[in-house]
Amino acid sequence: MKKIYLMLILLFTLNCATSEKATRFNGMPAGDGKPDHYLRTTSYGLNALIIFPIKRNAEFPESLETFSDYAKKNKGTKFRIIQKETTKWAFLLPPFTFVLTPVVTELVGEVYD
């Protein structure tokens, strides 16, 4: 019964994206000059049967759109993605997560003025 409640909580809460901005990096320049700040955006979603998004698609294209929205909100005019990682938690609580799979995508990048 607890697993069912957990799955219901996951269904209704894994529908967001968070972003974290870092501006203190000791003034060290990046490869293309000095970025204004670094940005990490994490998108959370829920897939059906591991591959079909049902609550907020957390795959790369949608996560990139979210990243660029956060970059614009932080007054960036261009960015460069440094790292991308997508994790599908299909084996978190089998067999339940085979049916409803939490998905997390994290993008890290440099944002320039």
N, C-alpha and C. Protein backbone atom coordinates (compact mmCIF):
# COMPACT_ATOMS: atom_id res chain seq x y z
N MET A 1 0.82 -1.20 0.00
CA MET A 1 0.00 0.00 0.00
C MET A 1 0.86 1.26 0.00
N LYS A 2 2.00 1.21 0.71
CA LYS A 2 2.88 2.38 0.74
C LYS A 2 3.46 2.68 -0.64
N LYS A 3 3.73 1.63 -1.40
CA LYS A 3 4.27 1.83 -2.75
C LYS A 3 3.24 2.52 -3.65
N ILE A 4 1.99 2.19 -3.47
CA ILE A 4 0.94 2.83 -4.26
C ILE A 4 0.87 4.31 -3.93
N TYR A 5 0.94 4.65 -2.65
CA TYR A 5 0.94 6.06 -2.26
C TYR A 5 2.16 6.78 -2.81
N LEU A 6 3.29 6.12 -2.77
CA LEU A 6 4.51 6.72 -3.30
C LEU A 6 4.37 7.00 -4.80
N MET A 7 3.80 6.06 -5.53
CA MET A 7 3.61 6.26 -6.96
C MET A 7 2.64 7.40 -7.25
N LEU A 8 1.59 7.52 -6.44
CA LEU A 8 0.66 8.64 -6.63
C LEU A 8 1.33 9.98 -6.34
N ILE A 9 2.16 10.01 -5.31
CA ILE A 9 2.90 11.24 -5.00
C ILE A 9 3.85 11.58 -6.15
N LEU A 10 4.55 10.58 -6.67
CA LEU A 10 5.46 10.81 -7.80
C LEU A 10 4.70 11.31 -9.02
N LEU A 11 3.53 10.76 -9.26
CA LEU A 11 2.74 11.13 -10.42
C LEU A 11 2.39 12.62 -10.41
N PHE A 12 2.07 13.14 -9.23
CA PHE A 12 1.62 14.53 -9.16
C PHE A 12 2.71 15.53 -8.79
N THR A 13 3.86 15.07 -8.35
CA THR A 13 4.92 16.01 -7.98
C THR A 13 6.05 16.09 -8.98
N LEU A 14 6.29 15.06 -9.74
CA LEU A 14 7.39 15.09 -10.71
C LEU A 14 6.92 15.80 -11.98
N ASN A 15 6.76 17.08 -11.88
CA ASN A 15 6.25 17.86 -13.00
C ASN A 15 6.86 19.25 -12.97
N CYS A 16 8.18 19.32 -12.82
CA CYS A 16 8.78 20.64 -12.66
C CYS A 16 10.21 20.65 -13.18
N ALA A 17 10.78 21.84 -13.15
CA ALA A 17 12.19 22.02 -13.47
C ALA A 17 12.77 23.00 -12.47
N THR A 18 14.00 22.77 -12.07
CA THR A 18 14.67 23.69 -11.16
C THR A 18 15.94 24.19 -11.83
N SER A 19 16.38 25.35 -11.40
CA SER A 19 17.59 25.92 -11.97
C SER A 19 18.43 26.54 -10.88
N GLU A 20 19.74 26.44 -11.05
CA GLU A 20 20.68 26.98 -10.07
C GLU A 20 21.74 27.77 -10.82
N LYS A 21 21.99 28.97 -10.36
CA LYS A 21 22.93 29.89 -11.02
C LYS A 21 24.18 30.04 -10.16
N ALA A 22 25.35 29.98 -10.79
CA ALA A 22 26.62 30.17 -10.09
C ALA A 22 27.37 31.33 -10.75
N THR A 23 27.74 32.32 -9.95
CA THR A 23 28.43 33.49 -10.50
C THR A 23 29.84 33.64 -9.96
N ARG A 24 30.18 32.95 -8.90
CA ARG A 24 31.51 33.08 -8.30
C ARG A 24 32.39 31.93 -8.78
N PHE A 25 33.31 32.22 -9.66
CA PHE A 25 34.22 31.19 -10.15
C PHE A 25 35.64 31.73 -10.26
N ASN A 26 36.00 32.62 -9.33
CA ASN A 26 37.34 33.18 -9.21
C ASN A 26 37.83 33.92 -10.45
N GLY A 27 36.91 34.37 -11.29
CA GLY A 27 37.30 35.15 -12.46
C GLY A 27 38.04 34.38 -13.54
N MET A 28 38.06 33.07 -13.45
CA MET A 28 38.76 32.25 -14.44
C MET A 28 37.97 32.27 -15.75
N PRO A 29 38.63 32.52 -16.88
CA PRO A 29 37.90 32.54 -18.15
C PRO A 29 37.63 31.12 -18.65
N ALA A 30 36.56 30.99 -19.41
CA ALA A 30 36.25 29.72 -20.07
C ALA A 30 36.97 29.71 -21.42
N GLY A 31 36.75 28.69 -22.21
CA GLY A 31 37.41 28.59 -23.50
C GLY A 31 37.07 29.72 -24.46
N ASP A 32 35.85 30.22 -24.41
CA ASP A 32 35.41 31.29 -25.32
C ASP A 32 35.39 32.64 -24.63
N GLY A 33 36.14 32.82 -23.59
CA GLY A 33 36.11 34.07 -22.85
C GLY A 33 35.45 33.85 -21.50
N LYS A 34 35.18 34.93 -20.82
CA LYS A 34 34.62 34.83 -19.47
C LYS A 34 33.09 34.80 -19.52
N PRO A 35 32.46 33.70 -19.07
CA PRO A 35 31.00 33.67 -19.04
C PRO A 35 30.47 34.57 -17.91
N ASP A 36 29.25 35.04 -18.10
CA ASP A 36 28.61 35.84 -17.06
C ASP A 36 28.30 34.98 -15.84
N HIS A 37 27.79 33.76 -16.10
CA HIS A 37 27.52 32.83 -15.01
C HIS A 37 27.36 31.42 -15.58
N TYR A 38 27.35 30.46 -14.68
CA TYR A 38 27.08 29.07 -15.03
C TYR A 38 25.67 28.75 -14.58
N LEU A 39 25.01 27.86 -15.30
CA LEU A 39 23.62 27.53 -15.00
C LEU A 39 23.44 26.02 -15.04
N ARG A 40 22.77 25.50 -14.02
CA ARG A 40 22.42 24.07 -14.00
C ARG A 40 20.90 23.99 -13.91
N THR A 41 20.30 23.29 -14.86
CA THR A 41 18.85 23.13 -14.89
C THR A 41 18.53 21.64 -14.83
N THR A 42 17.64 21.29 -13.93
CA THR A 42 17.22 19.90 -13.76
C THR A 42 15.73 19.81 -14.05
N SER A 43 15.35 18.95 -14.99
CA SER A 43 13.95 18.74 -15.36
C SER A 43 13.50 17.38 -14.86
N TYR A 44 12.31 17.34 -14.27
CA TYR A 44 11.74 16.10 -13.75
C TYR A 44 10.49 15.78 -14.54
N GLY A 45 10.31 14.51 -14.87
CA GLY A 45 9.14 14.09 -15.62
C GLY A 45 8.72 12.69 -15.23
N LEU A 46 7.63 12.25 -15.82
CA LEU A 46 7.11 10.92 -15.55
C LEU A 46 6.73 10.29 -16.88
N ASN A 47 7.25 9.10 -17.14
CA ASN A 47 6.97 8.38 -18.37
C ASN A 47 6.12 7.16 -18.08
N ALA A 48 5.33 6.77 -19.06
CA ALA A 48 4.58 5.52 -18.99
C ALA A 48 5.37 4.48 -19.77
N LEU A 49 5.50 3.30 -19.20
CA LEU A 49 6.21 2.19 -19.84
C LEU A 49 7.62 2.61 -20.28
N ILE A 50 8.28 3.37 -19.47
CA ILE A 50 9.67 3.81 -19.60
C ILE A 50 9.89 4.87 -20.69
N ILE A 51 9.17 4.81 -21.80
CA ILE A 51 9.52 5.70 -22.92
C ILE A 51 8.45 6.72 -23.32
N PHE A 52 7.23 6.61 -22.83
CA PHE A 52 6.16 7.52 -23.26
C PHE A 52 5.90 8.59 -22.20
N PRO A 53 6.22 9.85 -22.47
CA PRO A 53 6.02 10.90 -21.46
C PRO A 53 4.54 11.15 -21.19
N ILE A 54 4.18 11.21 -19.90
CA ILE A 54 2.79 11.53 -19.55
C ILE A 54 2.69 12.78 -18.69
N LYS A 55 3.68 13.06 -17.89
CA LYS A 55 3.72 14.29 -17.08
C LYS A 55 5.03 14.98 -17.38
N ARG A 56 5.00 16.08 -18.04
CA ARG A 56 6.17 16.90 -18.37
C ARG A 56 7.28 16.06 -18.99
N ASN A 57 7.49 16.23 -20.25
CA ASN A 57 8.54 15.51 -20.95
C ASN A 57 9.90 16.03 -20.49
N ALA A 58 10.68 15.19 -19.87
CA ALA A 58 11.99 15.58 -19.34
C ALA A 58 13.13 15.13 -20.24
N GLU A 59 12.83 14.87 -21.50
CA GLU A 59 13.88 14.47 -22.43
C GLU A 59 14.70 15.69 -22.85
N PHE A 60 15.76 15.47 -23.63
CA PHE A 60 16.72 16.53 -23.95
C PHE A 60 16.11 17.75 -24.64
N PRO A 61 15.30 17.62 -25.70
CA PRO A 61 14.80 18.83 -26.37
C PRO A 61 14.00 19.76 -25.45
N GLU A 62 13.13 19.18 -24.64
CA GLU A 62 12.33 19.99 -23.73
C GLU A 62 13.19 20.57 -22.61
N SER A 63 14.16 19.81 -22.15
CA SER A 63 15.07 20.31 -21.11
C SER A 63 15.94 21.44 -21.65
N LEU A 64 16.35 21.35 -22.90
CA LEU A 64 17.13 22.42 -23.52
C LEU A 64 16.30 23.70 -23.63
N GLU A 65 15.03 23.55 -23.95
CA GLU A 65 14.14 24.71 -24.01
C GLU A 65 14.00 25.36 -22.63
N THR A 66 13.87 24.55 -21.60
CA THR A 66 13.79 25.07 -20.23
C THR A 66 15.09 25.76 -19.84
N PHE A 67 16.23 25.16 -20.20
CA PHE A 67 17.53 25.76 -19.91
C PHE A 67 17.65 27.14 -20.57
N SER A 68 17.26 27.22 -21.84
CA SER A 68 17.37 28.50 -22.54
C SER A 68 16.42 29.54 -21.97
N ASP A 69 15.25 29.12 -21.49
CA ASP A 69 14.33 30.06 -20.83
C ASP A 69 14.96 30.63 -19.56
N TYR A 70 15.58 29.77 -18.76
CA TYR A 70 16.25 30.25 -17.55
C TYR A 70 17.43 31.15 -17.90
N ALA A 71 18.15 30.83 -18.97
CA ALA A 71 19.27 31.67 -19.38
C ALA A 71 18.79 33.06 -19.79
N LYS A 72 17.67 33.13 -20.51
CA LYS A 72 17.09 34.42 -20.90
C LYS A 72 16.64 35.22 -19.68
N LYS A 73 16.02 34.53 -18.73
CA LYS A 73 15.56 35.21 -17.51
C LYS A 73 16.73 35.79 -16.71
N ASN A 74 17.90 35.18 -16.85
CA ASN A 74 19.09 35.67 -16.16
C ASN A 74 19.93 36.58 -17.05
N LYS A 75 19.30 37.18 -18.05
CA LYS A 75 19.91 38.18 -18.94
C LYS A 75 21.05 37.63 -19.80
N GLY A 76 20.96 36.38 -20.18
CA GLY A 76 21.95 35.81 -21.07
C GLY A 76 21.54 35.98 -22.53
N THR A 77 22.52 36.17 -23.40
CA THR A 77 22.23 36.30 -24.83
C THR A 77 22.68 35.07 -25.62
N LYS A 78 23.61 34.31 -25.05
CA LYS A 78 24.02 33.05 -25.67
C LYS A 78 24.53 32.12 -24.56
N PHE A 79 24.54 30.83 -24.87
CA PHE A 79 24.99 29.85 -23.89
C PHE A 79 25.71 28.71 -24.59
N ARG A 80 26.40 27.93 -23.79
CA ARG A 80 27.08 26.73 -24.29
C ARG A 80 26.85 25.62 -23.28
N ILE A 81 26.30 24.50 -23.75
CA ILE A 81 26.04 23.35 -22.88
C ILE A 81 27.37 22.62 -22.63
N ILE A 82 27.65 22.37 -21.36
CA ILE A 82 28.87 21.67 -20.97
C ILE A 82 28.59 20.19 -20.71
N GLN A 83 27.45 19.91 -20.07
CA GLN A 83 27.15 18.53 -19.67
C GLN A 83 25.66 18.29 -19.75
N LYS A 84 25.30 17.07 -20.18
CA LYS A 84 23.90 16.64 -20.24
C LYS A 84 23.81 15.23 -19.69
N GLU A 85 22.85 15.01 -18.83
CA GLU A 85 22.66 13.67 -18.28
C GLU A 85 21.17 13.40 -18.11
N THR A 86 20.71 12.29 -18.67
CA THR A 86 19.31 11.87 -18.52
C THR A 86 19.29 10.52 -17.83
N THR A 87 18.46 10.42 -16.79
CA THR A 87 18.34 9.17 -16.05
C THR A 87 16.87 8.76 -16.02
N LYS A 88 16.60 7.55 -16.44
CA LYS A 88 15.26 6.97 -16.34
C LYS A 88 15.31 5.94 -15.22
N TRP A 89 14.53 6.18 -14.18
CA TRP A 89 14.58 5.35 -12.97
C TRP A 89 13.62 4.16 -13.08
N ALA A 90 13.79 3.34 -14.12
CA ALA A 90 12.90 2.21 -14.35
C ALA A 90 13.07 1.11 -13.31
N PHE A 91 14.25 0.99 -12.72
CA PHE A 91 14.51 -0.08 -11.76
C PHE A 91 14.49 0.42 -10.32
N LEU A 92 13.86 1.56 -10.08
CA LEU A 92 13.79 2.12 -8.74
C LEU A 92 12.90 1.26 -7.83
N LEU A 93 11.69 0.98 -8.25
CA LEU A 93 10.76 0.13 -7.49
C LEU A 93 10.02 -0.80 -8.46
N PRO A 94 10.73 -1.77 -9.05
CA PRO A 94 10.04 -2.66 -9.99
C PRO A 94 8.97 -3.47 -9.28
N PRO A 95 7.92 -3.80 -9.91
CA PRO A 95 7.48 -3.57 -11.30
C PRO A 95 6.74 -2.23 -11.48
N PHE A 96 6.50 -1.49 -10.40
CA PHE A 96 5.74 -0.24 -10.51
C PHE A 96 6.42 0.78 -11.41
N THR A 97 7.73 0.90 -11.30
CA THR A 97 8.43 1.90 -12.11
C THR A 97 8.64 1.44 -13.55
N PHE A 98 8.28 0.22 -13.87
CA PHE A 98 8.24 -0.17 -15.28
C PHE A 98 7.02 0.47 -15.94
N VAL A 99 5.96 0.64 -15.16
CA VAL A 99 4.72 1.24 -15.67
C VAL A 99 4.80 2.76 -15.62
N LEU A 100 5.18 3.32 -14.49
CA LEU A 100 5.34 4.77 -14.31
C LEU A 100 6.80 5.04 -13.94
N THR A 101 7.54 5.56 -14.88
CA THR A 101 8.99 5.73 -14.72
C THR A 101 9.36 7.20 -14.49
N PRO A 102 9.95 7.53 -13.33
CA PRO A 102 10.46 8.89 -13.14
C PRO A 102 11.67 9.13 -14.04
N VAL A 103 11.74 10.33 -14.62
CA VAL A 103 12.84 10.69 -15.52
C VAL A 103 13.43 12.02 -15.04
N VAL A 104 14.76 12.09 -15.01
CA VAL A 104 15.46 13.30 -14.59
C VAL A 104 16.51 13.64 -15.65
N THR A 105 16.49 14.88 -16.14
CA THR A 105 17.51 15.36 -17.08
C THR A 105 18.17 16.59 -16.50
N GLU A 106 19.50 16.57 -16.48
CA GLU A 106 20.26 17.71 -15.95
C GLU A 106 21.15 18.28 -17.04
N LEU A 107 21.06 19.59 -17.23
CA LEU A 107 21.91 20.31 -18.18
C LEU A 107 22.74 21.32 -17.42
N VAL A 108 24.03 21.39 -17.74
CA VAL A 108 24.93 22.36 -17.14
C VAL A 108 25.57 23.13 -18.29
N GLY A 109 25.62 24.45 -18.15
CA GLY A 109 26.20 25.24 -19.23
C GLY A 109 26.70 26.59 -18.78
N GLU A 110 27.43 27.23 -19.69
CA GLU A 110 27.93 28.59 -19.49
C GLU A 110 26.95 29.55 -20.16
N VAL A 111 26.67 30.67 -19.49
CA VAL A 111 25.77 31.68 -20.05
C VAL A 111 26.57 32.97 -20.21
N TYR A 112 26.47 33.56 -21.40
CA TYR A 112 27.21 34.78 -21.72
C TYR A 112 26.25 35.94 -21.90
N ASP A 113 26.74 37.16 -21.62
CA ASP A 113 25.95 38.38 -21.88
C ASP A 113 25.96 38.71 -23.34
